Amino acid sequence: MKMNLALSMLIAGSLAGCQTGGPAGSGTAAEGASDSAAITESTATLWVSGMSCPLCANNIDKQLMQVKGVSSVSVDLGSGRVVVQTPGDTKPSRKELARAIRQSGFTLTRIESP
């Protein structure tokens, strides 16, 4: 039963233009020379384009949770907003977050940190 649900979601995502097929492009608009600095706040908001289904959100979640310092991820498919919690002393860099988004097959348009 779970396999049928996963297959149905994959097919629906493909029909809707889901970009779960792998890395998109070699860089993003949000990457730049100063992106090696760590996020200083306990949250960061990433604006991501190309997400269209739950599989997209799951793929982004998995990639971001592998980044050292990320404790939780919240994805809003409708707005393209991804909120990353980084409460500990170890904070990821903007470049690391951008790489995770790129590796999940999507385009990061900007990162906001309060």
PDB file of N, CA and C in Angstrom:
ATOM      1  N   MET A   1       0.816  -1.196   0.000  1.00  0.00           N
ATOM      2  CA  MET A   1       0.000   0.000   0.000  1.00  0.00           C
ATOM      3  C   MET A   1       0.856   1.256   0.000  1.00  0.00           C
ATOM      4  N   LYS A   2       1.915   1.274   0.848  1.00  0.00           N
ATOM      5  CA  LYS A   2       2.801   2.433   0.904  1.00  0.00           C
ATOM      6  C   LYS A   2       3.504   2.637  -0.430  1.00  0.00           C
ATOM      7  N   MET A   3       3.852   1.532  -1.102  1.00  0.00           N
ATOM      8  CA  MET A   3       4.536   1.629  -2.391  1.00  0.00           C
ATOM      9  C   MET A   3       3.623   2.272  -3.416  1.00  0.00           C
ATOM     10  N   ASN A   4       2.342   1.925  -3.417  1.00  0.00           N
ATOM     11  CA  ASN A   4       1.395   2.516  -4.353  1.00  0.00           C
ATOM     12  C   ASN A   4       1.249   4.010  -4.109  1.00  0.00           C
ATOM     13  N   LEU A   5       1.220   4.430  -2.837  1.00  0.00           N
ATOM     14  CA  LEU A   5       1.107   5.837  -2.497  1.00  0.00           C
ATOM     15  C   LEU A   5       2.341   6.597  -2.966  1.00  0.00           C
ATOM     16  N   ALA A   6       3.518   6.049  -2.717  1.00  0.00           N
ATOM     17  CA  ALA A   6       4.762   6.699  -3.143  1.00  0.00           C
ATOM     18  C   ALA A   6       4.816   6.808  -4.660  1.00  0.00           C
ATOM     19  N   LEU A   7       4.429   5.760  -5.351  1.00  0.00           N
ATOM     20  CA  LEU A   7       4.424   5.769  -6.804  1.00  0.00           C
ATOM     21  C   LEU A   7       3.427   6.795  -7.327  1.00  0.00           C
ATOM     22  N   SER A   8       2.254   6.864  -6.726  1.00  0.00           N
ATOM     23  CA  SER A   8       1.248   7.846  -7.130  1.00  0.00           C
ATOM     24  C   SER A   8       1.758   9.266  -6.936  1.00  0.00           C
ATOM     25  N   MET A   9       2.447   9.512  -5.816  1.00  0.00           N
ATOM     26  CA  MET A   9       2.985  10.845  -5.550  1.00  0.00           C
ATOM     27  C   MET A   9       4.071  11.197  -6.560  1.00  0.00           C
ATOM     28  N   LEU A  10       4.897  10.228  -6.922  1.00  0.00           N
ATOM     29  CA  LEU A  10       5.955  10.457  -7.885  1.00  0.00           C
ATOM     30  C   LEU A  10       5.377  10.791  -9.254  1.00  0.00           C
ATOM     31  N   ILE A  11       4.358  10.059  -9.666  1.00  0.00           N
ATOM     32  CA  ILE A  11       3.714  10.308 -10.951  1.00  0.00           C
ATOM     33  C   ILE A  11       3.041  11.667 -10.947  1.00  0.00           C
ATOM     34  N   ALA A  12       2.339  11.994  -9.866  1.00  0.00           N
ATOM     35  CA  ALA A  12       1.671  13.293  -9.765  1.00  0.00           C
ATOM     36  C   ALA A  12       2.695  14.421  -9.802  1.00  0.00           C
ATOM     37  N   GLY A  13       3.819  14.235  -9.134  1.00  0.00           N
ATOM     38  CA  GLY A  13       4.872  15.243  -9.142  1.00  0.00           C
ATOM     39  C   GLY A  13       5.452  15.431 -10.529  1.00  0.00           C
ATOM     40  N   SER A  14       5.607  14.339 -11.260  1.00  0.00           N
ATOM     41  CA  SER A  14       6.139  14.426 -12.617  1.00  0.00           C
ATOM     42  C   SER A  14       5.192  15.188 -13.527  1.00  0.00           C
ATOM     43  N   LEU A  15       3.902  14.945 -13.372  1.00  0.00           N
ATOM     44  CA  LEU A  15       2.919  15.631 -14.195  1.00  0.00           C
ATOM     45  C   LEU A  15       2.836  17.113 -13.855  1.00  0.00           C
ATOM     46  N   ALA A  16       3.119  17.456 -12.591  1.00  0.00           N
ATOM     47  CA  ALA A  16       3.037  18.845 -12.153  1.00  0.00           C
ATOM     48  C   ALA A  16       4.343  19.599 -12.373  1.00  0.00           C
ATOM     49  N   GLY A  17       5.360  18.939 -12.926  1.00  0.00           N
ATOM     50  CA  GLY A  17       6.614  19.613 -13.180  1.00  0.00           C
ATOM     51  C   GLY A  17       7.561  19.582 -11.996  1.00  0.00           C
ATOM     52  N   CYS A  18       7.426  18.595 -11.150  1.00  0.00           N
ATOM     53  CA  CYS A  18       8.288  18.456  -9.986  1.00  0.00           C
ATOM     54  C   CYS A  18       9.737  18.302 -10.424  1.00  0.00           C
ATOM     55  N   GLN A  19      10.650  18.953  -9.685  1.00  0.00           N
ATOM     56  CA  GLN A  19      12.060  18.910 -10.039  1.00  0.00           C
ATOM     57  C   GLN A  19      12.848  18.028  -9.083  1.00  0.00           C
ATOM     58  N   THR A  20      12.430  16.802  -8.886  1.00  0.00           N
ATOM     59  CA  THR A  20      13.148  15.933  -7.959  1.00  0.00           C
ATOM     60  C   THR A  20      14.207  15.118  -8.669  1.00  0.00           C
ATOM     61  N   GLY A  21      14.502  15.431  -9.902  1.00  0.00           N
ATOM     62  CA  GLY A  21      15.408  14.624 -10.701  1.00  0.00           C
ATOM     63  C   GLY A  21      16.883  14.854 -10.477  1.00  0.00           C
ATOM     64  N   GLY A  22      17.302  15.716  -9.579  1.00  0.00           N
ATOM     65  CA  GLY A  22      18.723  15.908  -9.337  1.00  0.00           C
ATOM     66  C   GLY A  22      19.093  17.363  -9.332  1.00  0.00           C
ATOM     67  N   PRO A  23      20.381  17.638  -9.211  1.00  0.00           N
ATOM     68  CA  PRO A  23      20.862  19.007  -9.097  1.00  0.00           C
ATOM     69  C   PRO A  23      20.473  19.876 -10.283  1.00  0.00           C
ATOM     70  N   ALA A  24      20.095  21.101  -9.968  1.00  0.00           N
ATOM     71  CA  ALA A  24      19.714  22.064 -10.991  1.00  0.00           C
ATOM     72  C   ALA A  24      20.792  23.119 -11.104  1.00  0.00           C
ATOM     73  N   GLY A  25      21.408  23.210 -12.257  1.00  0.00           N
ATOM     74  CA  GLY A  25      22.390  24.263 -12.488  1.00  0.00           C
ATOM     75  C   GLY A  25      23.646  24.110 -11.654  1.00  0.00           C
ATOM     76  N   SER A  26      24.603  24.999 -11.912  1.00  0.00           N
ATOM     77  CA  SER A  26      25.869  24.924 -11.193  1.00  0.00           C
ATOM     78  C   SER A  26      25.968  25.940 -10.083  1.00  0.00           C
ATOM     79  N   GLY A  27      25.021  26.859 -10.002  1.00  0.00           N
ATOM     80  CA  GLY A  27      25.061  27.864  -8.964  1.00  0.00           C
ATOM     81  C   GLY A  27      23.688  28.448  -8.768  1.00  0.00           C
ATOM     82  N   THR A  28      23.576  29.344  -7.794  1.00  0.00           N
ATOM     83  CA  THR A  28      22.301  29.978  -7.542  1.00  0.00           C
ATOM     84  C   THR A  28      22.492  31.461  -7.389  1.00  0.00           C
ATOM     85  N   ALA A  29      21.428  32.207  -7.526  1.00  0.00           N
ATOM     86  CA  ALA A  29      21.484  33.652  -7.365  1.00  0.00           C
ATOM     87  C   ALA A  29      21.858  34.037  -5.943  1.00  0.00           C
ATOM     88  N   ALA A  30      21.616  33.159  -4.992  1.00  0.00           N
ATOM     89  CA  ALA A  30      21.878  33.473  -3.586  1.00  0.00           C
ATOM     90  C   ALA A  30      23.323  33.216  -3.181  1.00  0.00           C
ATOM     91  N   GLU A  31      24.110  32.576  -4.051  1.00  0.00           N
ATOM     92  CA  GLU A  31      25.494  32.303  -3.714  1.00  0.00           C
ATOM     93  C   GLU A  31      26.365  33.475  -4.131  1.00  0.00           C
ATOM     94  N   GLY A  32      27.350  33.793  -3.307  1.00  0.00           N
ATOM     95  CA  GLY A  32      28.257  34.880  -3.622  1.00  0.00           C
ATOM     96  C   GLY A  32      29.530  34.752  -2.823  1.00  0.00           C
ATOM     97  N   ALA A  33      30.407  35.738  -2.950  1.00  0.00           N
ATOM     98  CA  ALA A  33      31.720  35.685  -2.325  1.00  0.00           C
ATOM     99  C   ALA A  33      31.659  35.663  -0.804  1.00  0.00           C
ATOM    100  N   SER A  34      30.696  36.337  -0.191  1.00  0.00           N
ATOM    101  CA  SER A  34      30.642  36.413   1.269  1.00  0.00           C
ATOM    102  C   SER A  34      29.809  35.305   1.894  1.00  0.00           C
ATOM    103  N   ASP A  35      29.445  34.315   1.107  1.00  0.00           N
ATOM    104  CA  ASP A  35      28.557  33.266   1.584  1.00  0.00           C
ATOM    105  C   ASP A  35      29.238  32.209   2.441  1.00  0.00           C
ATOM    106  N   SER A  36      30.543  32.309   2.645  1.00  0.00           N
ATOM    107  CA  SER A  36      31.220  31.330   3.490  1.00  0.00           C
ATOM    108  C   SER A  36      31.044  31.659   4.974  1.00  0.00           C
ATOM    109  N   ALA A  37      30.530  32.852   5.279  1.00  0.00           N
ATOM    110  CA  ALA A  37      30.272  33.229   6.670  1.00  0.00           C
ATOM    111  C   ALA A  37      29.084  32.437   7.201  1.00  0.00           C
ATOM    112  N   ALA A  38      29.164  32.066   8.474  1.00  0.00           N
ATOM    113  CA  ALA A  38      28.091  31.286   9.108  1.00  0.00           C
ATOM    114  C   ALA A  38      26.865  32.159   9.353  1.00  0.00           C
ATOM    115  N   ILE A  39      25.700  31.515   9.345  1.00  0.00           N
ATOM    116  CA  ILE A  39      24.464  32.173   9.746  1.00  0.00           C
ATOM    117  C   ILE A  39      24.633  32.531  11.223  1.00  0.00           C
ATOM    118  N   THR A  40      24.293  33.751  11.617  1.00  0.00           N
ATOM    119  CA  THR A  40      24.518  34.157  13.007  1.00  0.00           C
ATOM    120  C   THR A  40      23.279  34.007  13.884  1.00  0.00           C
ATOM    121  N   GLU A  41      22.113  33.934  13.283  1.00  0.00           N
ATOM    122  CA  GLU A  41      20.864  33.822  14.042  1.00  0.00           C
ATOM    123  C   GLU A  41      20.472  32.358  14.217  1.00  0.00           C
ATOM    124  N   SER A  42      19.436  32.124  15.027  1.00  0.00           N
ATOM    125  CA  SER A  42      18.982  30.751  15.265  1.00  0.00           C
ATOM    126  C   SER A  42      18.014  30.254  14.192  1.00  0.00           C
ATOM    127  N   THR A  43      17.616  31.131  13.271  1.00  0.00           N
ATOM    128  CA  THR A  43      16.786  30.718  12.141  1.00  0.00           C
ATOM    129  C   THR A  43      17.263  31.410  10.875  1.00  0.00           C
ATOM    130  N   ALA A  44      16.995  30.777   9.771  1.00  0.00           N
ATOM    131  CA  ALA A  44      17.251  31.376   8.460  1.00  0.00           C
ATOM    132  C   ALA A  44      16.084  31.001   7.563  1.00  0.00           C
ATOM    133  N   THR A  45      15.666  31.935   6.728  1.00  0.00           N
ATOM    134  CA  THR A  45      14.598  31.674   5.773  1.00  0.00           C
ATOM    135  C   THR A  45      15.207  31.600   4.384  1.00  0.00           C
ATOM    136  N   LEU A  46      14.975  30.481   3.719  1.00  0.00           N
ATOM    137  CA  LEU A  46      15.480  30.259   2.378  1.00  0.00           C
ATOM    138  C   LEU A  46      14.299  30.334   1.420  1.00  0.00           C
ATOM    139  N   TRP A  47      14.448  31.076   0.354  1.00  0.00           N
ATOM    140  CA  TRP A  47      13.410  31.173  -0.661  1.00  0.00           C
ATOM    141  C   TRP A  47      13.838  30.309  -1.836  1.00  0.00           C
ATOM    142  N   VAL A  48      13.011  29.291  -2.134  1.00  0.00           N
ATOM    143  CA  VAL A  48      13.363  28.256  -3.104  1.00  0.00           C
ATOM    144  C   VAL A  48      12.313  28.209  -4.206  1.00  0.00           C
ATOM    145  N   SER A  49      12.773  28.152  -5.447  1.00  0.00           N
ATOM    146  CA  SER A  49      11.821  28.032  -6.559  1.00  0.00           C
ATOM    147  C   SER A  49      11.872  26.622  -7.139  1.00  0.00           C
ATOM    148  N   GLY A  50      10.747  26.196  -7.674  1.00  0.00           N
ATOM    149  CA  GLY A  50      10.660  24.904  -8.333  1.00  0.00           C
ATOM    150  C   GLY A  50       9.980  23.810  -7.536  1.00  0.00           C
ATOM    151  N   MET A  51       9.615  24.068  -6.282  1.00  0.00           N
ATOM    152  CA  MET A  51       8.962  23.039  -5.468  1.00  0.00           C
ATOM    153  C   MET A  51       7.487  22.969  -5.840  1.00  0.00           C
ATOM    154  N   SER A  52       6.979  21.727  -5.989  1.00  0.00           N
ATOM    155  CA  SER A  52       5.576  21.619  -6.352  1.00  0.00           C
ATOM    156  C   SER A  52       4.828  20.468  -5.681  1.00  0.00           C
ATOM    157  N   CYS A  53       5.516  19.637  -4.905  1.00  0.00           N
ATOM    158  CA  CYS A  53       4.821  18.478  -4.334  1.00  0.00           C
ATOM    159  C   CYS A  53       5.478  18.057  -3.015  1.00  0.00           C
ATOM    160  N   PRO A  54       4.846  17.171  -2.280  1.00  0.00           N
ATOM    161  CA  PRO A  54       5.419  16.685  -1.018  1.00  0.00           C
ATOM    162  C   PRO A  54       6.776  16.008  -1.185  1.00  0.00           C
ATOM    163  N   LEU A  55       7.015  15.379  -2.321  1.00  0.00           N
ATOM    164  CA  LEU A  55       8.320  14.764  -2.555  1.00  0.00           C
ATOM    165  C   LEU A  55       9.410  15.832  -2.650  1.00  0.00           C
ATOM    166  N   CYS A  56       9.059  16.981  -3.214  1.00  0.00           N
ATOM    167  CA  CYS A  56       9.997  18.105  -3.282  1.00  0.00           C
ATOM    168  C   CYS A  56      10.376  18.527  -1.869  1.00  0.00           C
ATOM    169  N   ALA A  57       9.383  18.722  -1.035  1.00  0.00           N
ATOM    170  CA  ALA A  57       9.613  19.145   0.346  1.00  0.00           C
ATOM    171  C   ALA A  57      10.446  18.108   1.095  1.00  0.00           C
ATOM    172  N   ASN A  58      10.163  16.848   0.891  1.00  0.00           N
ATOM    173  CA  ASN A  58      10.898  15.777   1.546  1.00  0.00           C
ATOM    174  C   ASN A  58      12.362  15.771   1.104  1.00  0.00           C
ATOM    175  N   ASN A  59      12.605  15.967  -0.179  1.00  0.00           N
ATOM    176  CA  ASN A  59      13.957  15.982  -0.717  1.00  0.00           C
ATOM    177  C   ASN A  59      14.759  17.142  -0.122  1.00  0.00           C
ATOM    178  N   ILE A  60      14.164  18.323  -0.052  1.00  0.00           N
ATOM    179  CA  ILE A  60      14.823  19.490   0.529  1.00  0.00           C
ATOM    180  C   ILE A  60      15.082  19.257   2.014  1.00  0.00           C
ATOM    181  N   ASP A  61      14.098  18.724   2.706  1.00  0.00           N
ATOM    182  CA  ASP A  61      14.250  18.438   4.134  1.00  0.00           C
ATOM    183  C   ASP A  61      15.434  17.508   4.382  1.00  0.00           C
ATOM    184  N   LYS A  62      15.520  16.429   3.631  1.00  0.00           N
ATOM    185  CA  LYS A  62      16.598  15.453   3.812  1.00  0.00           C
ATOM    186  C   LYS A  62      17.965  16.092   3.580  1.00  0.00           C
ATOM    187  N   GLN A  63      18.095  16.882   2.523  1.00  0.00           N
ATOM    188  CA  GLN A  63      19.379  17.506   2.215  1.00  0.00           C
ATOM    189  C   GLN A  63      19.786  18.521   3.283  1.00  0.00           C
ATOM    190  N   LEU A  64      18.849  19.346   3.718  1.00  0.00           N
ATOM    191  CA  LEU A  64      19.175  20.366   4.718  1.00  0.00           C
ATOM    192  C   LEU A  64      19.478  19.753   6.081  1.00  0.00           C
ATOM    193  N   MET A  65      18.818  18.667   6.430  1.00  0.00           N
ATOM    194  CA  MET A  65      19.068  18.028   7.725  1.00  0.00           C
ATOM    195  C   MET A  65      20.457  17.391   7.783  1.00  0.00           C
ATOM    196  N   GLN A  66      21.097  17.209   6.639  1.00  0.00           N
ATOM    197  CA  GLN A  66      22.459  16.676   6.606  1.00  0.00           C
ATOM    198  C   GLN A  66      23.505  17.769   6.834  1.00  0.00           C
ATOM    199  N   VAL A  67      23.089  19.033   6.792  1.00  0.00           N
ATOM    200  CA  VAL A  67      24.015  20.148   6.995  1.00  0.00           C
ATOM    201  C   VAL A  67      24.267  20.294   8.494  1.00  0.00           C
ATOM    202  N   LYS A  68      25.532  20.320   8.869  1.00  0.00           N
ATOM    203  CA  LYS A  68      25.902  20.434  10.277  1.00  0.00           C
ATOM    204  C   LYS A  68      25.381  21.753  10.847  1.00  0.00           C
ATOM    205  N   GLY A  69      24.678  21.654  11.988  1.00  0.00           N
ATOM    206  CA  GLY A  69      24.123  22.819  12.655  1.00  0.00           C
ATOM    207  C   GLY A  69      22.635  23.006  12.436  1.00  0.00           C
ATOM    208  N   VAL A  70      22.053  22.324  11.444  1.00  0.00           N
ATOM    209  CA  VAL A  70      20.615  22.428  11.170  1.00  0.00           C
ATOM    210  C   VAL A  70      19.884  21.431  12.060  1.00  0.00           C
ATOM    211  N   SER A  71      18.924  21.943  12.860  1.00  0.00           N
ATOM    212  CA  SER A  71      18.196  21.052  13.763  1.00  0.00           C
ATOM    213  C   SER A  71      16.793  20.720  13.262  1.00  0.00           C
ATOM    214  N   SER A  72      16.196  21.612  12.468  1.00  0.00           N
ATOM    215  CA  SER A  72      14.878  21.315  11.906  1.00  0.00           C
ATOM    216  C   SER A  72      14.649  22.162  10.663  1.00  0.00           C
ATOM    217  N   VAL A  73      13.729  21.668   9.832  1.00  0.00           N
ATOM    218  CA  VAL A  73      13.411  22.310   8.563  1.00  0.00           C
ATOM    219  C   VAL A  73      11.903  22.340   8.409  1.00  0.00           C
ATOM    220  N   SER A  74      11.368  23.476   7.981  1.00  0.00           N
ATOM    221  CA  SER A  74       9.938  23.604   7.714  1.00  0.00           C
ATOM    222  C   SER A  74       9.766  24.156   6.303  1.00  0.00           C
ATOM    223  N   VAL A  75       9.083  23.389   5.443  1.00  0.00           N
ATOM    224  CA  VAL A  75       8.921  23.756   4.045  1.00  0.00           C
ATOM    225  C   VAL A  75       7.478  24.155   3.768  1.00  0.00           C
ATOM    226  N   ASP A  76       7.289  25.320   3.156  1.00  0.00           N
ATOM    227  CA  ASP A  76       5.975  25.778   2.719  1.00  0.00           C
ATOM    228  C   ASP A  76       5.973  25.750   1.189  1.00  0.00           C
ATOM    229  N   LEU A  77       5.347  24.727   0.631  1.00  0.00           N
ATOM    230  CA  LEU A  77       5.334  24.554  -0.820  1.00  0.00           C
ATOM    231  C   LEU A  77       4.675  25.714  -1.546  1.00  0.00           C
ATOM    232  N   GLY A  78       3.616  26.258  -0.975  1.00  0.00           N
ATOM    233  CA  GLY A  78       2.862  27.318  -1.632  1.00  0.00           C
ATOM    234  C   GLY A  78       3.669  28.584  -1.863  1.00  0.00           C
ATOM    235  N   SER A  79       4.475  28.958  -0.874  1.00  0.00           N
ATOM    236  CA  SER A  79       5.227  30.208  -0.987  1.00  0.00           C
ATOM    237  C   SER A  79       6.671  29.992  -1.431  1.00  0.00           C
ATOM    238  N   GLY A  80       7.168  28.778  -1.322  1.00  0.00           N
ATOM    239  CA  GLY A  80       8.567  28.508  -1.631  1.00  0.00           C
ATOM    240  C   GLY A  80       9.490  28.855  -0.477  1.00  0.00           C
ATOM    241  N   ARG A  81       8.919  29.052   0.687  1.00  0.00           N
ATOM    242  CA  ARG A  81       9.687  29.437   1.874  1.00  0.00           C
ATOM    243  C   ARG A  81      10.119  28.200   2.660  1.00  0.00           C
ATOM    244  N   VAL A  82      11.396  28.163   3.009  1.00  0.00           N
ATOM    245  CA  VAL A  82      11.946  27.079   3.801  1.00  0.00           C
ATOM    246  C   VAL A  82      12.610  27.713   5.021  1.00  0.00           C
ATOM    247  N   VAL A  83      12.117  27.382   6.211  1.00  0.00           N
ATOM    248  CA  VAL A  83      12.685  27.932   7.441  1.00  0.00           C
ATOM    249  C   VAL A  83      13.563  26.863   8.076  1.00  0.00           C
ATOM    250  N   VAL A  84      14.815  27.243   8.337  1.00  0.00           N
ATOM    251  CA  VAL A  84      15.807  26.347   8.902  1.00  0.00           C
ATOM    252  C   VAL A  84      16.124  26.819  10.318  1.00  0.00           C
ATOM    253  N   GLN A  85      16.049  25.901  11.275  1.00  0.00           N
ATOM    254  CA  GLN A  85      16.392  26.202  12.667  1.00  0.00           C
ATOM    255  C   GLN A  85      17.843  25.798  12.914  1.00  0.00           C
ATOM    256  N   THR A  86      18.628  26.728  13.495  1.00  0.00           N
ATOM    257  CA  THR A  86      20.033  26.468  13.793  1.00  0.00           C
ATOM    258  C   THR A  86      20.341  26.957  15.214  1.00  0.00           C
ATOM    259  N   PRO A  87      19.758  26.320  16.239  1.00  0.00           N
ATOM    260  CA  PRO A  87      19.845  26.843  17.600  1.00  0.00           C
ATOM    261  C   PRO A  87      21.175  26.654  18.328  1.00  0.00           C
ATOM    262  N   GLY A  88      22.005  25.739  17.891  1.00  0.00           N
ATOM    263  CA  GLY A  88      23.233  25.432  18.629  1.00  0.00           C
ATOM    264  C   GLY A  88      24.364  26.413  18.351  1.00  0.00           C
ATOM    265  N   ASP A  89      25.523  26.098  18.882  1.00  0.00           N
ATOM    266  CA  ASP A  89      26.714  26.922  18.665  1.00  0.00           C
ATOM    267  C   ASP A  89      27.268  26.772  17.254  1.00  0.00           C
ATOM    268  N   THR A  90      27.081  25.595  16.658  1.00  0.00           N
ATOM    269  CA  THR A  90      27.548  25.358  15.297  1.00  0.00           C
ATOM    270  C   THR A  90      26.495  25.848  14.317  1.00  0.00           C
ATOM    271  N   LYS A  91      26.885  26.803  13.485  1.00  0.00           N
ATOM    272  CA  LYS A  91      25.957  27.374  12.504  1.00  0.00           C
ATOM    273  C   LYS A  91      26.454  27.059  11.098  1.00  0.00           C
ATOM    274  N   PRO A  92      25.549  26.709  10.188  1.00  0.00           N
ATOM    275  CA  PRO A  92      25.956  26.471   8.800  1.00  0.00           C
ATOM    276  C   PRO A  92      26.228  27.798   8.090  1.00  0.00           C
ATOM    277  N   SER A  93      27.003  27.733   7.028  1.00  0.00           N
ATOM    278  CA  SER A  93      27.233  28.926   6.217  1.00  0.00           C
ATOM    279  C   SER A  93      26.137  29.033   5.163  1.00  0.00           C
ATOM    280  N   ARG A  94      26.008  30.211   4.600  1.00  0.00           N
ATOM    281  CA  ARG A  94      25.058  30.404   3.509  1.00  0.00           C
ATOM    282  C   ARG A  94      25.411  29.484   2.340  1.00  0.00           C
ATOM    283  N   LYS A  95      26.693  29.311   2.108  1.00  0.00           N
ATOM    284  CA  LYS A  95      27.148  28.454   1.021  1.00  0.00           C
ATOM    285  C   LYS A  95      26.721  26.998   1.245  1.00  0.00           C
ATOM    286  N   GLU A  96      26.812  26.518   2.477  1.00  0.00           N
ATOM    287  CA  GLU A  96      26.403  25.140   2.791  1.00  0.00           C
ATOM    288  C   GLU A  96      24.899  24.961   2.579  1.00  0.00           C
ATOM    289  N   LEU A  97      24.115  25.950   2.995  1.00  0.00           N
ATOM    290  CA  LEU A  97      22.660  25.874   2.799  1.00  0.00           C
ATOM    291  C   LEU A  97      22.326  25.909   1.311  1.00  0.00           C
ATOM    292  N   ALA A  98      22.997  26.787   0.568  1.00  0.00           N
ATOM    293  CA  ALA A  98      22.761  26.886  -0.874  1.00  0.00           C
ATOM    294  C   ALA A  98      23.124  25.583  -1.577  1.00  0.00           C
ATOM    295  N   ARG A  99      24.219  24.968  -1.154  1.00  0.00           N
ATOM    296  CA  ARG A  99      24.645  23.699  -1.751  1.00  0.00           C
ATOM    297  C   ARG A  99      23.603  22.615  -1.512  1.00  0.00           C
ATOM    298  N   ALA A 100      23.037  22.560  -0.301  1.00  0.00           N
ATOM    299  CA  ALA A 100      22.018  21.552   0.017  1.00  0.00           C
ATOM    300  C   ALA A 100      20.785  21.727  -0.866  1.00  0.00           C
ATOM    301  N   ILE A 101      20.382  22.979  -1.077  1.00  0.00           N
ATOM    302  CA  ILE A 101      19.226  23.235  -1.948  1.00  0.00           C
ATOM    303  C   ILE A 101      19.548  22.810  -3.375  1.00  0.00           C
ATOM    304  N   ARG A 102      20.726  23.167  -3.852  1.00  0.00           N
ATOM    305  CA  ARG A 102      21.135  22.812  -5.218  1.00  0.00           C
ATOM    306  C   ARG A 102      21.197  21.296  -5.377  1.00  0.00           C
ATOM    307  N   GLN A 103      21.733  20.591  -4.364  1.00  0.00           N
ATOM    308  CA  GLN A 103      21.835  19.134  -4.437  1.00  0.00           C
ATOM    309  C   GLN A 103      20.467  18.454  -4.403  1.00  0.00           C
ATOM    310  N   SER A 104      19.477  19.145  -3.862  1.00  0.00           N
ATOM    311  CA  SER A 104      18.138  18.561  -3.852  1.00  0.00           C
ATOM    312  C   SER A 104      17.404  18.820  -5.163  1.00  0.00           C
ATOM    313  N   GLY A 105      18.032  19.583  -6.062  1.00  0.00           N
ATOM    314  CA  GLY A 105      17.477  19.785  -7.401  1.00  0.00           C
ATOM    315  C   GLY A 105      16.668  21.044  -7.577  1.00  0.00           C
ATOM    316  N   PHE A 106      16.837  22.022  -6.697  1.00  0.00           N
ATOM    317  CA  PHE A 106      16.035  23.238  -6.757  1.00  0.00           C
ATOM    318  C   PHE A 106      16.915  24.480  -6.810  1.00  0.00           C
ATOM    319  N   THR A 107      16.289  25.614  -6.995  1.00  0.00           N
ATOM    320  CA  THR A 107      17.003  26.883  -7.122  1.00  0.00           C
ATOM    321  C   THR A 107      16.730  27.754  -5.908  1.00  0.00           C
ATOM    322  N   LEU A 108      17.794  28.138  -5.230  1.00  0.00           N
ATOM    323  CA  LEU A 108      17.714  29.042  -4.099  1.00  0.00           C
ATOM    324  C   LEU A 108      17.760  30.467  -4.641  1.00  0.00           C
ATOM    325  N   THR A 109      16.752  31.266  -4.308  1.00  0.00           N
ATOM    326  CA  THR A 109      16.741  32.646  -4.810  1.00  0.00           C
ATOM    327  C   THR A 109      17.300  33.638  -3.805  1.00  0.00           C
ATOM    328  N   ARG A 110      17.106  33.373  -2.497  1.00  0.00           N
ATOM    329  CA  ARG A 110      17.712  34.240  -1.483  1.00  0.00           C
ATOM    330  C   ARG A 110      17.636  33.582  -0.112  1.00  0.00           C
ATOM    331  N   ILE A 111      18.490  34.093   0.773  1.00  0.00           N
ATOM    332  CA  ILE A 111      18.497  33.658   2.176  1.00  0.00           C
ATOM    333  C   ILE A 111      18.317  34.885   3.032  1.00  0.00           C
ATOM    334  N   GLU A 112      17.376  34.800   3.969  1.00  0.00           N
ATOM    335  CA  GLU A 112      17.140  35.897   4.916  1.00  0.00           C
ATOM    336  C   GLU A 112      17.422  35.377   6.314  1.00  0.00           C
ATOM    337  N   SER A 113      18.108  36.193   7.088  1.00  0.00           N
ATOM    338  CA  SER A 113      18.379  35.848   8.479  1.00  0.00           C
ATOM    339  C   SER A 113      18.052  37.069   9.323  1.00  0.00           C
ATOM    340  N   PRO A 114      17.123  36.907  10.286  1.00  0.00           N
ATOM    341  CA  PRO A 114      16.689  38.095  11.047  1.00  0.00           C
ATOM    342  C   PRO A 114      17.817  38.835  11.716  1.00  0.00           C
TER     343      PRO A 114
END
